[in-house]
């Protein structure tokens, strides 16, 4: 498998990042639940993505879900890297 195929999971990460940012604005959702929610949403998004995107790096539903969960969780990491590097001391 060519590593360039993994670029197809970038849209899942971006969608989860935007959902996570939206959830952050809702004051009733605790911050500690946001990674769990975006991980779950990433897993759900990956299932149809496996069938729609021809270069998706999964051939079965379980692998697609795990890729989606990791994409959702990585969106939280992307947000934290941005937040920490732009934080003024």
Protein backbone atom coordinates (compact mmCIF):
# COMPACT_ATOMS: atom_id res chain seq x y z
CA UNK A 1 0.00 0.00 0.00
CA UNK A 2 1.26 3.42 -0.97
CA UNK A 3 1.45 5.95 1.87
CA UNK A 4 -0.06 8.64 -0.36
CA UNK A 5 -3.41 6.85 0.01
CA UNK A 6 -3.53 8.00 3.62
CA UNK A 7 -4.18 11.56 2.45
CA UNK A 8 -7.78 10.40 1.95
CA UNK A 9 -8.30 10.40 5.72
CA UNK A 10 -7.51 14.12 5.96
CA UNK A 11 -11.14 15.16 5.27
CA UNK A 12 -12.31 13.07 8.24
CA UNK A 13 -9.78 14.80 10.47
CA UNK A 14 -10.86 18.24 9.24
CA UNK A 15 -14.57 17.47 9.70
CA UNK A 16 -13.92 16.19 13.22
CA UNK A 17 -11.80 19.25 14.01
CA UNK A 18 -14.63 21.57 12.97
CA UNK A 19 -17.18 19.55 14.93
CA UNK A 20 -14.90 19.64 17.97
CA UNK A 21 -14.54 23.41 17.68
CA UNK A 22 -18.31 23.70 17.49
CA UNK A 23 -18.76 21.48 20.54
CA UNK A 24 -16.27 23.66 22.42
CA UNK A 25 -18.67 26.59 21.95
CA UNK A 26 -21.50 24.68 23.63
CA UNK A 27 -20.95 25.32 27.32
CA UNK A 28 -23.04 22.33 28.44
CA UNK A 29 -20.60 19.76 27.00
CA UNK A 30 -17.56 19.15 29.23
CA UNK A 31 -14.19 19.59 27.50
CA UNK A 32 -13.09 16.09 28.54
CA UNK A 33 -15.91 14.55 26.45
CA UNK A 34 -15.01 16.34 23.20
CA UNK A 35 -12.23 13.86 22.18
CA UNK A 36 -14.59 10.93 22.81
CA UNK A 37 -17.34 12.54 20.74
CA UNK A 38 -15.10 13.44 17.78
CA UNK A 39 -13.54 9.95 17.88
CA UNK A 40 -17.00 8.40 17.71
CA UNK A 41 -18.05 10.74 14.89
CA UNK A 42 -14.85 9.95 12.99
CA UNK A 43 -15.67 6.25 13.23
CA UNK A 44 -19.15 6.88 11.87
CA UNK A 45 -17.92 9.06 9.00
CA UNK A 46 -15.34 6.48 7.95
CA UNK A 47 -17.89 3.79 7.13
CA UNK A 48 -19.49 5.56 4.15
CA UNK A 49 -16.11 7.07 3.25
CA UNK A 50 -14.77 3.56 2.70
CA UNK A 51 -17.41 2.98 0.02
CA UNK A 52 -17.34 6.47 -1.52
CA UNK A 53 -13.59 7.20 -1.67
CA UNK A 54 -11.77 4.83 -4.00
CA UNK A 55 -8.34 5.27 -2.34
CA UNK A 56 -9.58 4.90 1.24
CA UNK A 57 -6.98 2.84 3.15
CA UNK A 58 -9.45 0.23 4.45
CA UNK A 59 -11.15 -2.75 2.85
CA UNK A 60 -13.42 -3.74 5.71
CA UNK A 61 -15.73 -1.95 8.14
CA UNK A 62 -13.70 -2.65 11.30
CA UNK A 63 -10.54 -1.17 9.81
CA UNK A 64 -12.50 1.80 8.47
CA UNK A 65 -13.98 2.47 11.91
CA UNK A 66 -10.57 2.30 13.56
CA UNK A 67 -9.09 4.68 10.98
CA UNK A 68 -12.02 7.04 11.54
CA UNK A 69 -11.62 6.94 15.32
CA UNK A 70 -7.92 7.70 15.03
CA UNK A 71 -8.68 10.55 12.62
CA UNK A 72 -11.21 11.99 15.04
CA UNK A 73 -8.81 11.73 17.95
CA UNK A 74 -5.99 13.24 15.91
CA UNK A 75 -8.17 16.28 15.24
CA UNK A 76 -8.03 16.97 18.97
CA UNK A 77 -4.24 16.74 18.81
CA UNK A 78 -4.09 19.12 15.86
CA UNK A 79 -6.19 21.61 17.81
CA UNK A 80 -3.95 21.31 20.88
CA UNK A 81 -0.75 21.79 18.85
CA UNK A 82 -2.22 24.95 17.33
CA UNK A 83 -3.46 26.18 20.71
CA UNK A 84 -0.13 25.55 22.47
CA UNK A 85 2.02 27.12 19.75
CA UNK A 86 -0.08 30.29 19.60
CA UNK A 87 -0.43 30.66 23.37
CA UNK A 88 1.21 33.79 24.70
CA UNK A 89 3.22 33.36 27.87
